[in-house]
Amino acid sequence: MSERDVMEYDVVAVGAGPAGLSFAIRLKQLKPELSVCVIEKSSTIGAHILSGAVIEPGPLDALLPGWRDNPPPVCVPATEDEFWFLTKTGGTKSPIVPPQMDNHGNFIVSLGAMCAWLAPQAEALGVEIYPGFAAAELLHDDTGAVAGVRIGDMGVAKDGSHKAGYTQGIDIKARVTVLAEGARGHLTKQLIRKFGLDAESDPQNYSIGIKELWQVPEGRVKPGKIVHTLGWPADSHTYGGSFLYHLDKNQIALGYVSGLDYRDPNYQPYEAFQQWKNHPTVKPLLEGGTILSAGARAIVTGGWQSLPKVEMPGALLIGDTAGLLNVPKIKGTHQAIRSGMLAAEHLAGQSDALSSAGFDAKLRASPAMAELRKVRNIKPGFKKGLWFGLANSGWETITAGLSPWTWRCKPDWSSLQKLSDAEKPKRDYVERTLPPRDRLAGVYFAATEHDEDQPVHLKVADTNICVTKCAEEYGNPCQRFCPAGVYEIVADAAQPTGKRLQINAANCVHCKTCDVKDPYEIITWVTPEGGAGPNYQNL
């Protein structure tokens, strides 16, 4: 085996999302002499980025003061907010919009398009950005400190052999490695385990957000209008809600968020989203329109009590990788930018030796954490049901989070009930007529691409559990929680049980739900070959 090529930088950021790019921009603004590299697993910047997204502009104003003169390509000022509680056949519009959902002064954006817009601004400052570079492993020095990342090899066949175009991945060495991988980053998972970063925090919690972008007939869109809903189609024990954002050019961004702490092993987040689209308040907006793009992504929701230690020797965690999303606001972009800038200012404030030491204390003393502390009990309150959750939200909002208690978080997989114990909530679903017809049709709109002949990037530690214990206890919920139809139990006469797990890895949209919700914790998501995965357009 030939020796790997090595590239060396002062700092490498893993992930070209809002956190990684903001970090790189701020560091170059403050210390232009430092060499800074950002690597991104998607084929182009923004292709794997999916978010609602309504952003608070304050941190972006601080990072790029003149940005409003040259805004991102999708950037619509918020004009009005509505908050609805839905029943199957109608709903009630709240006379009061919860304070956290007041979007006056905010902007509706495509986060993917915004990151594609941020990248050249980083490059203009001298940041080197490499899309299609999937960080597969961490590098460590002799002391065990993080020393950079190894890019995955290209051109490896499913059986591990080298194809004609095989290229060995390079090593990117750096004095400091900044993890900005987004929710449930696979390198971050390893670091949390290796350095015990979660020893003093609760387990992280997640939701899955499923989103579509629609082109609709003239006259239906009110640019800047923002609608959120609770209630149907979720039952009172399932955390779920929707967003519907009116863009310009007769386009609507819409999606549904399901908490991955749901109990019912038969619950299907994708089906809940499609049901909601057929509600009488939503369907008339969409009928006769066409889907432009679709996808799904895990959302980090543990908040203040689930924040791991964000520093370790040689590395830092920022953005959703750290877990900074504000759940009641359904916003994480301003927090990602804030934490990226704070990390840059921390490193730039040092003399010659760059060190991660001290960043954890800085982040915890920052406005980003003060914001999370105020709302720390709101999402956990919904674990006791919708009505308790709403009452608790009101209390926590009125008191600005001054309750003397903190609700704790448990891992999401632990809430799944076995079939023998599971309540069977009434699913008062409707016949749905809007596209897509099913998950595979939805995958088409994600434009996801993986070479069929590459190693499967979804590692299942013991597939025998799938066709025995899991089939009996939970009825193979991976077939239902995955929004892309990746997991399938198929008949196979050659197997003792007469069936086996089939992984349709080429369908994967990199949402990470399987890594979070699998009740046996035997599924591990790892990065596929660089450039593989979804190609989201304006999500």
Protein backbone atom coordinates (compact mmCIF):
# COMPACT_ATOMS: atom_id res chain seq x y z
CA MET A 1 0.00 0.00 0.00
CA SER A 2 1.45 3.32 -1.02
CA GLU A 3 1.85 6.07 1.54
CA ARG A 4 -1.12 8.43 1.66
CA ASP A 5 -0.86 11.98 0.41
CA VAL A 6 -0.95 14.49 3.25
CA MET A 7 -2.25 18.07 3.31
CA GLU A 8 -1.47 20.22 6.33
CA TYR A 9 -3.39 23.23 7.63
CA ASP A 10 -3.59 25.22 10.81
CA VAL A 11 -7.30 24.39 11.08
CA VAL A 12 -9.66 22.01 9.29
CA ALA A 13 -13.46 22.26 9.61
CA VAL A 14 -15.50 19.15 8.83
CA GLY A 15 -18.77 20.21 7.21
CA ALA A 16 -19.67 23.19 5.02
CA GLY A 17 -22.92 24.03 6.75
CA PRO A 18 -23.66 27.38 8.41
CA ALA A 19 -21.47 26.57 11.44
CA GLY A 20 -18.40 25.38 9.51
CA LEU A 21 -18.52 28.19 6.94
CA SER A 22 -19.18 30.91 9.54
CA PHE A 23 -16.28 29.60 11.59
CA ALA A 24 -13.93 29.68 8.59
CA ILE A 25 -15.03 33.16 7.52
CA ARG A 26 -14.64 34.63 11.00
CA LEU A 27 -11.24 33.01 11.58
CA LYS A 28 -9.89 34.42 8.29
CA GLN A 29 -11.35 37.84 9.09
CA LEU A 30 -9.47 37.86 12.40
CA LYS A 31 -6.28 35.98 11.49
CA PRO A 32 -5.79 35.97 7.71
CA GLU A 33 -2.35 34.40 8.09
CA LEU A 34 -3.82 31.09 9.34
CA SER A 35 -4.38 28.34 6.77
CA VAL A 36 -8.00 27.15 6.96
CA CYS A 37 -9.64 24.27 5.10
CA VAL A 38 -13.31 23.21 5.02
CA ILE A 39 -14.22 19.75 3.74
CA GLU A 40 -17.73 18.71 2.75
CA LYS A 41 -19.03 15.24 1.88
CA SER A 42 -21.65 16.41 -0.64
CA SER A 43 -20.86 16.79 -4.34
CA THR A 44 -21.54 20.55 -4.21
CA ILE A 45 -21.86 22.94 -1.26
CA GLY A 46 -25.44 22.88 0.03
CA ALA A 47 -26.47 19.61 -1.67
CA HIS A 48 -26.88 17.81 1.69
CA ILE A 49 -28.28 20.79 3.60
CA LEU A 50 -31.94 20.65 4.55
CA SER A 51 -33.71 22.96 6.97
CA GLY A 52 -37.04 24.79 7.30
CA ALA A 53 -35.63 27.49 7.37
CA VAL A 54 -36.47 30.80 8.98
CA ILE A 55 -33.37 32.55 10.27
CA GLU A 56 -32.76 35.23 12.85
CA PRO A 57 -30.39 37.63 11.07
CA GLY A 58 -28.48 39.01 14.09
CA PRO A 59 -25.47 36.66 13.97
CA LEU A 60 -25.28 36.95 10.16
CA ASP A 61 -25.32 40.77 10.54
CA ALA A 62 -22.33 40.44 12.87
CA LEU A 63 -20.47 38.06 10.54
CA LEU A 64 -21.14 39.84 7.22
CA PRO A 65 -22.47 43.35 7.96
CA GLY A 66 -23.33 44.14 4.31
CA TRP A 67 -25.05 40.86 3.50
CA ARG A 68 -28.49 42.45 2.90
CA ASP A 69 -27.07 44.32 -0.12
CA ASN A 70 -26.21 40.95 -1.70
CA PRO A 71 -28.60 38.44 -0.08
CA PRO A 72 -28.74 34.67 -0.70
CA PRO A 73 -30.77 33.61 -3.76
CA VAL A 74 -33.75 32.51 -1.63
CA CYS A 75 -34.34 35.17 1.01
CA VAL A 76 -37.87 36.37 1.77
CA PRO A 77 -38.58 38.75 4.69
CA ALA A 78 -41.13 37.29 7.14
CA THR A 79 -44.42 39.20 6.94
CA GLU A 80 -46.98 37.35 9.08
CA ASP A 81 -47.18 34.38 11.48
CA GLU A 82 -50.03 31.94 12.04
CA PHE A 83 -50.20 29.13 14.60
CA TRP A 84 -52.91 26.49 14.20
CA PHE A 85 -54.17 23.50 16.16
CA LEU A 86 -55.49 20.97 13.66
CA THR A 87 -58.21 18.33 13.88
CA LYS A 88 -58.83 15.80 11.14
CA THR A 89 -61.37 17.97 9.33
CA GLY A 90 -60.44 21.51 10.36
CA GLY A 91 -58.56 23.48 12.94
CA THR A 92 -58.38 26.48 15.21
CA LYS A 93 -56.12 29.42 14.54
CA SER A 94 -54.53 30.60 17.77
CA PRO A 95 -55.34 34.22 18.58
CA ILE A 96 -51.83 34.48 20.04
CA VAL A 97 -48.64 33.38 18.30
CA PRO A 98 -46.24 31.88 20.89
CA PRO A 99 -43.44 34.42 21.52
CA GLN A 100 -40.78 32.00 20.28
CA MET A 101 -42.61 31.77 16.95
CA ASP A 102 -42.84 35.51 16.38
CA ASN A 103 -40.75 35.94 13.24
CA HIS A 104 -40.92 39.71 12.89
CA GLY A 105 -37.56 40.80 11.43
CA ASN A 106 -36.58 37.28 10.36
CA PHE A 107 -36.07 35.84 6.86
CA ILE A 108 -37.25 32.67 5.13
CA VAL A 109 -34.28 31.13 3.32
CA SER A 110 -33.13 27.93 1.69
CA LEU A 111 -30.30 26.91 3.99
CA GLY A 112 -28.70 24.88 1.19
CA ALA A 113 -28.70 27.92 -1.11
CA MET A 114 -27.46 30.10 1.74
CA CYS A 115 -24.45 27.82 2.32
CA ALA A 116 -23.69 27.81 -1.42
CA TRP A 117 -23.79 31.63 -1.16
CA LEU A 118 -21.53 31.71 1.93
CA ALA A 119 -18.86 29.42 0.42
CA PRO A 120 -17.43 31.85 -2.19
CA GLN A 121 -17.29 34.56 0.49
CA ALA A 122 -15.14 32.23 2.57
CA GLU A 123 -12.97 31.43 -0.46
CA ALA A 124 -12.51 35.14 -1.18
CA LEU A 125 -10.86 35.38 2.25
CA GLY A 126 -8.49 32.51 1.43
CA VAL A 127 -10.40 29.56 2.91
CA GLU A 128 -9.88 26.36 0.90
CA ILE A 129 -13.16 24.44 0.45
CA TYR A 130 -13.30 20.87 -0.86
CA PRO A 131 -16.73 19.41 -1.70
CA GLY A 132 -16.83 15.67 -2.35
CA PHE A 133 -14.33 15.07 0.48
CA ALA A 134 -16.00 12.72 2.98
CA ALA A 135 -14.13 12.52 6.28
CA ALA A 136 -14.12 8.79 7.03
CA GLU A 137 -11.77 8.58 10.01
CA LEU A 138 -10.13 10.73 12.65
CA LEU A 139 -6.38 11.08 12.93
CA HIS A 140 -4.74 11.14 16.38
CA ASP A 141 -1.22 12.05 17.42
CA ASP A 142 1.03 10.10 19.81
CA THR A 143 -0.71 11.61 22.84
CA GLY A 144 -4.20 10.63 21.58
CA ALA A 145 -5.16 14.20 20.66
CA VAL A 146 -7.14 14.76 17.45
CA ALA A 147 -4.70 15.63 14.66
CA GLY A 148 -6.97 15.87 11.61
CA VAL A 149 -9.08 13.59 9.43
CA ARG A 150 -8.65 10.92 6.79
CA ILE A 151 -10.71 11.26 3.62
CA GLY A 152 -12.44 8.06 2.51
CA ASP A 153 -10.99 6.07 -0.37
CA MET A 154 -12.74 6.42 -3.74
CA GLY A 155 -13.42 3.57 -6.15
CA VAL A 156 -13.90 0.72 -3.65
CA ALA A 157 -16.29 -2.04 -4.71
CA LYS A 158 -19.02 -3.52 -2.52
CA ASP A 159 -16.83 -6.53 -1.75
CA GLY A 160 -13.93 -4.29 -0.68
CA SER A 161 -11.86 -4.78 -3.82
CA HIS A 162 -10.44 -1.84 -5.73
CA LYS A 163 -12.16 -0.78 -8.94
CA ALA A 164 -10.33 0.63 -11.95
CA GLY A 165 -10.66 4.21 -10.75
CA TYR A 166 -9.50 3.53 -7.17
CA THR A 167 -7.98 6.54 -5.40
CA GLN A 168 -6.60 6.43 -1.90
CA GLY A 169 -8.05 9.05 0.42
CA ILE A 170 -5.68 11.74 1.65
CA ASP A 171 -4.87 12.66 5.23
CA ILE A 172 -5.68 16.24 6.22
CA LYS A 173 -3.63 17.15 9.26
CA ALA A 174 -4.37 20.22 11.35
CA ARG A 175 -3.42 21.81 14.63
CA VAL A 176 -7.14 22.08 15.46
CA THR A 177 -10.04 20.09 13.95
CA VAL A 178 -13.48 21.69 14.14
CA LEU A 179 -16.43 19.30 13.85
CA ALA A 180 -19.39 20.96 12.14
CA GLU A 181 -21.05 17.80 10.82
CA GLY A 182 -24.64 18.71 11.71
CA ALA A 183 -26.97 16.50 13.76
CA ARG A 184 -25.62 13.05 14.69
CA GLY A 185 -22.23 13.46 13.02
CA HIS A 186 -20.53 10.08 12.73
CA LEU A 187 -17.05 11.35 13.66
CA THR A 188 -18.54 13.34 16.53
CA LYS A 189 -20.15 10.13 17.85
CA GLN A 190 -16.70 8.54 17.99
CA LEU A 191 -15.17 11.53 19.78
CA ILE A 192 -17.97 11.69 22.35
CA ARG A 193 -17.31 8.04 23.14
CA LYS A 194 -13.48 8.26 23.11
CA PHE A 195 -13.23 11.36 25.29
CA GLY A 196 -16.34 10.77 27.43
CA LEU A 197 -17.71 14.15 26.36
CA ASP A 198 -21.24 13.25 27.52
CA ALA A 199 -20.23 12.11 31.01
CA GLU A 200 -21.95 15.10 32.61
CA SER A 201 -24.83 15.63 30.15
CA ASP A 202 -28.07 13.86 29.29
CA PRO A 203 -28.30 11.73 26.14
CA GLN A 204 -28.93 13.79 23.01
CA ASN A 205 -32.48 13.79 21.59
CA TYR A 206 -33.62 14.16 17.99
CA SER A 207 -36.60 14.67 15.72
CA ILE A 208 -36.89 13.89 12.02
CA GLY A 209 -37.86 16.71 9.69
CA ILE A 210 -39.25 15.78 6.27
CA LYS A 211 -39.53 18.61 3.76
CA GLU A 212 -40.74 19.34 0.24
CA LEU A 213 -40.48 22.40 -1.99
CA TRP A 214 -43.50 22.99 -4.25
CA GLN A 215 -44.22 25.14 -7.27
CA VAL A 216 -47.90 26.09 -7.04
CA PRO A 217 -50.36 27.88 -9.36
CA GLU A 218 -50.38 31.67 -9.48
CA GLY A 219 -52.25 33.53 -6.75
CA ARG A 220 -51.88 31.10 -3.83
CA VAL A 221 -48.66 32.35 -2.31
CA LYS A 222 -48.32 35.30 0.06
CA PRO A 223 -44.52 35.78 0.17
CA GLY A 224 -43.29 35.93 3.75
CA LYS A 225 -46.27 34.18 5.36
CA ILE A 226 -45.26 31.61 7.99
CA VAL A 227 -47.66 28.94 9.31
CA HIS A 228 -46.96 26.38 12.05
CA THR A 229 -49.37 23.67 13.25
CA LEU A 230 -49.78 21.20 16.09
CA GLY A 231 -52.34 18.42 16.46
CA TRP A 232 -53.55 16.12 13.68
CA PRO A 233 -52.21 13.79 12.35
CA ALA A 234 -50.13 13.19 15.51
CA ASP A 235 -51.80 11.55 18.50
CA SER A 236 -51.45 13.23 21.90
CA HIS A 237 -48.43 11.11 22.87
CA THR A 238 -46.42 11.77 19.69
CA TYR A 239 -44.49 15.01 19.38
CA GLY A 240 -45.23 16.34 15.93
CA GLY A 241 -45.87 19.58 14.10
CA SER A 242 -45.60 21.23 10.73
CA PHE A 243 -44.18 24.29 9.02
CA LEU A 244 -45.40 25.99 5.86
CA TYR A 245 -43.43 28.92 4.47
CA HIS A 246 -44.56 31.08 1.56
CA LEU A 247 -41.61 32.01 -0.69
CA ASP A 248 -41.59 34.19 -3.78
CA LYS A 249 -41.92 32.93 -7.39
CA ASN A 250 -45.09 30.95 -6.46
CA GLN A 251 -43.14 28.50 -4.32
CA ILE A 252 -43.98 27.00 -0.92
CA ALA A 253 -41.60 25.20 1.46
CA LEU A 254 -43.40 22.79 3.75
CA GLY A 255 -42.53 20.01 6.11
CA TYR A 256 -43.40 17.91 9.13
CA VAL A 257 -41.34 17.25 12.23
CA SER A 258 -41.80 14.08 14.32
CA GLY A 259 -40.02 13.66 17.65
CA LEU A 260 -37.94 10.48 17.59
CA ASP A 261 -38.99 9.81 21.18
CA TYR A 262 -42.29 8.44 19.83
CA ARG A 263 -43.61 5.26 21.48
CA ASP A 264 -45.61 3.43 18.81
CA PRO A 265 -43.41 0.96 16.85
CA ASN A 266 -45.89 1.21 13.96
CA TYR A 267 -45.61 5.00 13.63
CA GLN A 268 -44.35 6.24 10.25
CA PRO A 269 -42.99 9.81 10.20
CA TYR A 270 -43.15 9.93 6.40
CA GLU A 271 -46.80 8.92 6.33
CA ALA A 272 -47.65 11.52 9.00
CA PHE A 273 -46.17 14.21 6.74
CA GLN A 274 -48.11 13.03 3.69
CA GLN A 275 -51.32 12.88 5.74
CA TRP A 276 -50.81 16.45 6.95
CA LYS A 277 -50.38 17.64 3.35
CA ASN A 278 -53.89 16.35 2.61
CA HIS A 279 -55.48 18.35 5.45
CA PRO A 280 -58.24 20.77 4.28
CA THR A 281 -56.11 23.80 5.24
CA VAL A 282 -53.07 22.61 3.26
CA LYS A 283 -54.28 20.58 0.30
CA PRO A 284 -55.93 23.50 -1.60
CA LEU A 285 -52.56 25.31 -1.62
CA LEU A 286 -50.83 22.37 -3.29
CA GLU A 287 -53.38 20.82 -5.66
CA GLY A 288 -52.32 21.29 -9.25
CA GLY A 289 -48.76 22.12 -8.18
CA THR A 290 -45.55 20.14 -8.60
CA ILE A 291 -42.82 19.01 -6.23
CA LEU A 292 -39.42 20.53 -7.03
CA SER A 293 -37.29 18.91 -4.33
CA ALA A 294 -37.73 16.76 -1.23
CA GLY A 295 -35.68 15.28 1.57
CA ALA A 296 -35.31 14.49 5.26
CA ARG A 297 -32.88 15.21 8.08
CA ALA A 298 -32.50 14.52 11.78
CA ILE A 299 -32.90 17.58 13.99
CA VAL A 300 -31.04 17.85 17.28
CA THR A 301 -33.50 18.63 20.11
CA GLY A 302 -31.88 17.75 23.44
CA GLY A 303 -30.99 21.36 24.20
CA TRP A 304 -29.26 22.73 27.28
CA GLN A 305 -29.19 19.53 29.38
CA SER A 306 -27.90 17.39 26.50
CA LEU A 307 -24.94 19.60 25.52
CA PRO A 308 -21.80 17.44 25.65
CA LYS A 309 -18.43 18.91 26.48
CA VAL A 310 -17.51 20.72 23.25
CA GLU A 311 -13.73 20.62 23.51
CA MET A 312 -11.17 17.84 23.63
CA PRO A 313 -7.45 17.78 22.87
CA GLY A 314 -7.08 19.02 19.29
CA ALA A 315 -10.77 19.45 18.45
CA LEU A 316 -13.99 21.47 18.98
CA LEU A 317 -17.69 20.84 18.36
CA ILE A 318 -19.92 23.62 16.96
CA GLY A 319 -23.47 24.08 15.62
CA ASP A 320 -25.87 21.14 15.48
CA THR A 321 -22.96 18.78 16.08
CA ALA A 322 -22.81 20.26 19.58
CA GLY A 323 -26.62 20.34 19.84
CA LEU A 324 -27.44 24.05 19.88
CA LEU A 325 -30.84 24.12 18.16
CA ASN A 326 -33.58 26.06 19.96
CA VAL A 327 -36.57 23.70 19.77
CA PRO A 328 -39.47 26.10 20.58
CA LYS A 329 -38.16 28.50 17.94
CA ILE A 330 -37.44 25.57 15.56
CA LYS A 331 -34.24 27.43 14.74
CA GLY A 332 -30.60 26.45 14.83
CA THR A 333 -28.95 28.52 12.07
CA HIS A 334 -28.38 31.62 14.22
CA GLN A 335 -26.95 29.35 16.93
CA ALA A 336 -24.70 27.60 14.40
CA ILE A 337 -23.33 30.94 13.16
CA ARG A 338 -22.91 32.19 16.72
CA SER A 339 -20.98 29.11 17.84
CA GLY A 340 -18.82 29.13 14.69
CA MET A 341 -17.87 32.77 15.26
CA LEU A 342 -17.21 32.11 18.96
CA ALA A 343 -14.91 29.18 18.10
CA ALA A 344 -13.04 31.36 15.59
CA GLU A 345 -12.67 34.17 18.11
CA HIS A 346 -11.41 31.66 20.70
CA LEU A 347 -8.66 30.40 18.37
CA ALA A 348 -7.82 33.85 17.00
CA GLY A 349 -7.37 35.19 20.51
CA GLN A 350 -4.40 32.89 21.11
CA SER A 351 -0.82 33.74 20.29
CA ASP A 352 1.04 31.07 18.32
CA ALA A 353 -0.15 27.82 19.84
CA LEU A 354 -3.71 27.02 18.71
CA SER A 355 -5.59 25.14 21.42
CA SER A 356 -9.14 23.96 21.95
CA ALA A 357 -8.74 24.35 25.73
CA GLY A 358 -11.18 26.83 27.24
CA PHE A 359 -13.77 26.80 24.45
CA ASP A 360 -16.30 24.75 26.41
CA ALA A 361 -16.41 27.34 29.21
CA LYS A 362 -16.69 30.16 26.65
CA LEU A 363 -19.64 28.55 24.89
CA ARG A 364 -21.44 27.84 28.16
CA ALA A 365 -21.02 31.48 29.22
CA SER A 366 -22.28 32.79 25.85
CA PRO A 367 -25.70 34.07 24.70
CA ALA A 368 -26.10 30.81 22.73
CA MET A 369 -26.30 28.81 25.96
CA ALA A 370 -28.32 31.43 27.84
CA GLU A 371 -30.94 31.11 25.09
CA LEU A 372 -31.04 27.31 25.44
CA ARG A 373 -31.25 27.42 29.24
CA LYS A 374 -34.43 29.51 29.11
CA VAL A 375 -36.25 26.90 27.02
CA ARG A 376 -34.62 23.75 28.42
CA ASN A 377 -37.86 22.29 29.84
CA ILE A 378 -40.19 22.94 26.89
CA LYS A 379 -39.48 19.95 24.60
CA PRO A 380 -39.04 17.42 27.50
CA GLY A 381 -42.44 18.51 28.84
CA PHE A 382 -44.12 17.01 25.76
CA LYS A 383 -42.94 13.54 26.82
CA LYS A 384 -45.86 13.66 29.28
CA GLY A 385 -48.34 14.27 26.45
CA LEU A 386 -49.53 17.15 24.30
CA TRP A 387 -51.72 18.94 26.84
CA PHE A 388 -49.17 18.80 29.65
CA GLY A 389 -46.53 19.91 27.15
CA LEU A 390 -48.55 22.95 26.07
CA ALA A 391 -49.31 23.96 29.67
CA ASN A 392 -45.67 23.50 30.63
CA SER A 393 -44.56 25.54 27.58
CA GLY A 394 -46.75 28.41 28.73
CA TRP A 395 -45.30 28.26 32.24
CA GLU A 396 -41.69 28.08 31.03
CA THR A 397 -42.28 30.97 28.62
CA ILE A 398 -43.92 33.22 31.23
CA THR A 399 -41.14 32.52 33.77
CA ALA A 400 -38.33 32.72 31.13
CA GLY A 401 -37.13 29.28 32.22
CA LEU A 402 -36.64 30.21 35.88
CA SER A 403 -38.20 26.95 37.14
CA PRO A 404 -36.00 25.43 39.85
CA TRP A 405 -36.15 22.06 38.06
CA THR A 406 -34.78 20.66 34.82
CA TRP A 407 -36.61 17.86 32.99
CA ARG A 408 -34.16 15.11 32.03
CA CYS A 409 -33.63 13.51 28.59
CA LYS A 410 -33.43 9.79 27.84
CA PRO A 411 -32.18 8.27 24.56
CA ASP A 412 -34.87 8.30 21.88
CA TRP A 413 -34.65 4.58 21.13
CA SER A 414 -35.53 3.75 24.75
CA SER A 415 -39.05 5.21 24.40
CA LEU A 416 -40.13 2.69 21.72
CA GLN A 417 -42.66 0.26 23.12
CA LYS A 418 -42.63 -3.43 22.25
CA LEU A 419 -45.56 -4.69 20.20
CA SER A 420 -46.84 -6.63 23.22
CA ASP A 421 -46.92 -3.46 25.38
CA ALA A 422 -47.69 -0.84 22.77
CA GLU A 423 -50.79 1.28 22.97
CA LYS A 424 -52.49 1.28 19.60
CA PRO A 425 -53.30 4.95 19.05
CA LYS A 426 -56.16 5.70 16.71
CA ARG A 427 -54.75 6.73 13.35
CA ASP A 428 -57.61 8.70 11.88
CA TYR A 429 -55.83 9.02 8.58
CA VAL A 430 -57.43 10.18 5.33
CA GLU A 431 -57.15 9.00 1.76
CA ARG A 432 -54.32 10.99 0.27
CA THR A 433 -54.19 12.04 -3.35
CA LEU A 434 -51.28 14.49 -3.49
CA PRO A 435 -47.91 13.25 -4.78
CA PRO A 436 -45.63 11.52 -4.09
CA ARG A 437 -47.48 8.19 -3.92
CA ASP A 438 -44.90 6.55 -1.62
CA ARG A 439 -41.41 6.84 -0.15
CA LEU A 440 -39.62 5.60 -3.27
CA ALA A 441 -41.35 8.27 -5.35
CA GLY A 442 -40.22 10.77 -2.70
CA VAL A 443 -36.61 9.61 -2.98
CA TYR A 444 -36.69 10.58 -6.66
CA PHE A 445 -37.19 14.23 -5.63
CA ALA A 446 -34.14 14.03 -3.35
CA ALA A 447 -32.05 13.21 -6.45
CA THR A 448 -29.96 10.93 -4.27
CA GLU A 449 -27.09 9.10 -5.96
CA HIS A 450 -24.87 6.32 -4.65
CA ASP A 451 -22.85 3.95 -6.80
CA GLU A 452 -24.62 0.59 -6.39
CA ASP A 453 -21.21 -1.10 -6.32
CA GLN A 454 -19.75 0.60 -3.26
CA PRO A 455 -19.54 -0.61 0.35
CA VAL A 456 -22.85 -0.27 2.21
CA HIS A 457 -22.55 2.76 4.49
CA LEU A 458 -25.22 1.53 6.93
CA LYS A 459 -23.47 -0.92 9.22
CA VAL A 460 -25.72 -3.40 11.04
CA ALA A 461 -23.76 -5.16 13.75
CA ASP A 462 -25.92 -8.31 13.88
CA THR A 463 -28.49 -8.84 11.12
CA ASN A 464 -29.69 -12.02 12.87
CA ILE A 465 -31.35 -9.79 15.50
CA CYS A 466 -33.38 -8.18 12.70
CA VAL A 467 -35.12 -11.37 11.62
CA THR A 468 -35.53 -12.86 15.11
CA LYS A 469 -35.68 -10.66 18.19
CA CYS A 470 -36.56 -7.35 16.48
CA ALA A 471 -39.18 -8.95 14.23
CA GLU A 472 -40.87 -10.47 17.27
CA GLU A 473 -40.53 -7.58 19.73
CA TYR A 474 -40.96 -4.51 17.52
CA GLY A 475 -42.05 -5.75 14.08
CA ASN A 476 -38.93 -4.31 12.38
CA PRO A 477 -39.62 -0.57 12.85
CA CYS A 478 -36.68 0.32 10.57
CA GLN A 479 -39.05 -0.42 7.69
CA ARG A 480 -41.29 2.39 8.98
CA PHE A 481 -39.05 5.04 10.54
CA CYS A 482 -36.75 5.33 7.52
CA PRO A 483 -38.22 7.97 5.16
CA ALA A 484 -36.42 6.54 2.12
CA GLY A 485 -37.26 2.81 2.13
CA VAL A 486 -33.67 1.79 2.86
CA TYR A 487 -34.53 -1.14 5.15
CA GLU A 488 -36.57 -4.09 3.94
CA ILE A 489 -37.22 -7.56 5.34
CA VAL A 490 -37.42 -9.90 2.34
CA ALA A 491 -38.15 -13.59 1.93
CA ASP A 492 -35.08 -15.80 1.56
CA ALA A 493 -35.48 -19.58 1.59
CA ALA A 494 -31.73 -20.01 2.15
CA GLN A 495 -32.00 -18.44 5.63
CA PRO A 496 -33.02 -20.44 8.73
CA THR A 497 -35.82 -17.96 9.44
CA GLY A 498 -36.88 -17.79 5.79
CA LYS A 499 -36.16 -14.05 5.63
CA ARG A 500 -33.31 -11.56 5.75
CA LEU A 501 -32.63 -7.86 6.04
CA GLN A 502 -32.05 -6.12 2.72
CA ILE A 503 -30.40 -2.68 2.83
CA ASN A 504 -31.21 -0.49 -0.15
CA ALA A 505 -28.32 1.85 0.60
CA ALA A 506 -28.61 3.69 -2.72
CA ASN A 507 -31.92 5.21 -1.48
CA CYS A 508 -30.34 6.79 1.62
CA VAL A 509 -30.83 10.55 2.04
CA HIS A 510 -28.42 10.74 5.00
CA CYS A 511 -31.09 11.70 7.54
CA LYS A 512 -29.50 9.53 10.30
CA THR A 513 -32.88 8.45 11.76
CA CYS A 514 -31.83 4.78 11.78
CA ASP A 515 -28.72 5.61 13.80
CA VAL A 516 -30.95 7.31 16.40
CA LYS A 517 -34.14 5.21 16.65
CA ASP A 518 -32.97 1.59 16.23
CA PRO A 519 -34.03 -0.01 19.56
CA TYR A 520 -31.01 -2.32 19.69
CA GLU A 521 -28.43 0.35 18.79
CA ILE A 522 -26.92 -1.95 16.16
CA ILE A 523 -27.21 0.41 13.17
CA THR A 524 -24.31 2.78 12.57
CA TRP A 525 -24.39 5.34 9.77
CA VAL A 526 -20.96 6.07 8.27
CA THR A 527 -20.03 8.34 5.39
CA PRO A 528 -20.30 6.74 1.95
CA GLU A 529 -17.91 7.61 -0.85
CA GLY A 530 -17.37 11.35 -1.20
CA GLY A 531 -19.97 13.12 -3.32
CA ALA A 532 -22.60 10.41 -2.81
CA GLY A 533 -26.01 11.12 -1.37
CA PRO A 534 -28.82 13.58 -2.00
CA ASN A 535 -28.60 16.56 -4.32
CA TYR A 536 -31.09 18.90 -2.72
CA GLN A 537 -32.24 21.94 -4.66
CA ASN A 538 -33.11 24.95 -2.50
CA LEU A 539 -34.05 22.94 0.62
